[in-house]
Amino acid sequence: MFSDTRRLAIGEASLAYHHAEAAGPARGILLISHGLAEHSKRYGRFAEAMAARGYHVYSHDHRGHGETMAPDAPIGRFAGRNGVERVIGDVIAMRAHAASRHPGLKVILFGHSMGGLIALNAIVTAPADFDAVAVWNSNFAVGLAGRAAQAILLAERMLKGSDVPSGLLPKLTFGAWGKSIPEGRTAFDWLSHRADDVDKYIADPLCGFDASVSLWLDLFELTFRAPQKLHLDRLPRDMPIHLVGGAEDPATERGKAVLWLSNHLKARGFSRITTVIYQGMRHETLNEIGADAAIAAFADWCDAAPAIFRARENP
């Protein structure tokens, strides 16, 4: 079972997290990094499915999300300053906590959407801490449009400050994605074909909030940072990487951004990349029609992923 909320102290912050214990002999540890304007408890079905396959699962709320508390991180903001550094540090701290409870196991980091941005940045920051990474439904291919969005955000910050909601970015992202769904039932149908899961998201008071200007700026920093050569060069080229997109996901240009990242990594010599674009799926693969099959395929991949750093430490 996915646990009730637990807490991990990191400086003045209190990181809220949930845990699912591995059933039977443990195969590894799976850390979950959730997306923007949602929280870790939404991953209960996924966590329990992976626990049933033998993984100790930990899923925490990022700063400015869910039940995590920090003096400078109200809902919608990572931090007053150094937000990117702090959310990456939280992932590394959660990894240390999980590994201390289950020593010697391989550690796989999974991230959805914003969580995928954080996950890839975390492994290039602390490559020896992770044995594999999964980046699902994330868009690192924002290009010139992303630079233009940064300019808009900097102008907003100059005019009204960094700790207020952005006026334009929600319209350019969530708003535009919602309008892209033909005959959409709600503004959030871009998330999934499953109406019950969309309705749960809309009804959840911890979902769908407006992110601050500072949080949006942090997201673009994450987006441009990890794919840079100087950061990717810190990773072993045999690092197993699992990429997933939806062919009907407007947030990743219907999977094209996921393919961009796959090709970008292959061009830099990474040899263990698995890339899947699921037909008929929108943004939340884990809450889509066909999610069970996608989770089972991911669990098979996790089983096959070698504990590369543990093997190097114990030849």
Foldseek 3Di string as FASTA:
>chain_A
DWADWDWDDDPQKTKTKIKDAADDAAQAEEEEFEAPQAAFVVCVVLRNVLSPLRYIYMYIGQFLFDPIDHPAGHNQAQGPPPSLVVRLVVSLVVLVVVCVVPPPHAYEYEYAALGLLSQLVNCLVPVLSHQAYEYELYFLPCPPVLVVVLVLLVVCCVVPRFQAFDPPPCCVALVVLQVVDPPDPDSRCLQEPDPVVSVVQVPDPRGDDGHTSNVSNSSSCSSPPSLDPVSVVSHDLARAYEYEEELSEVNHPSCVSSVVVVVSSVVVRRDHYHYYYHYPTGRHLCPYVVNVVVSVVVSVVSSPRDSVSSVVVPD
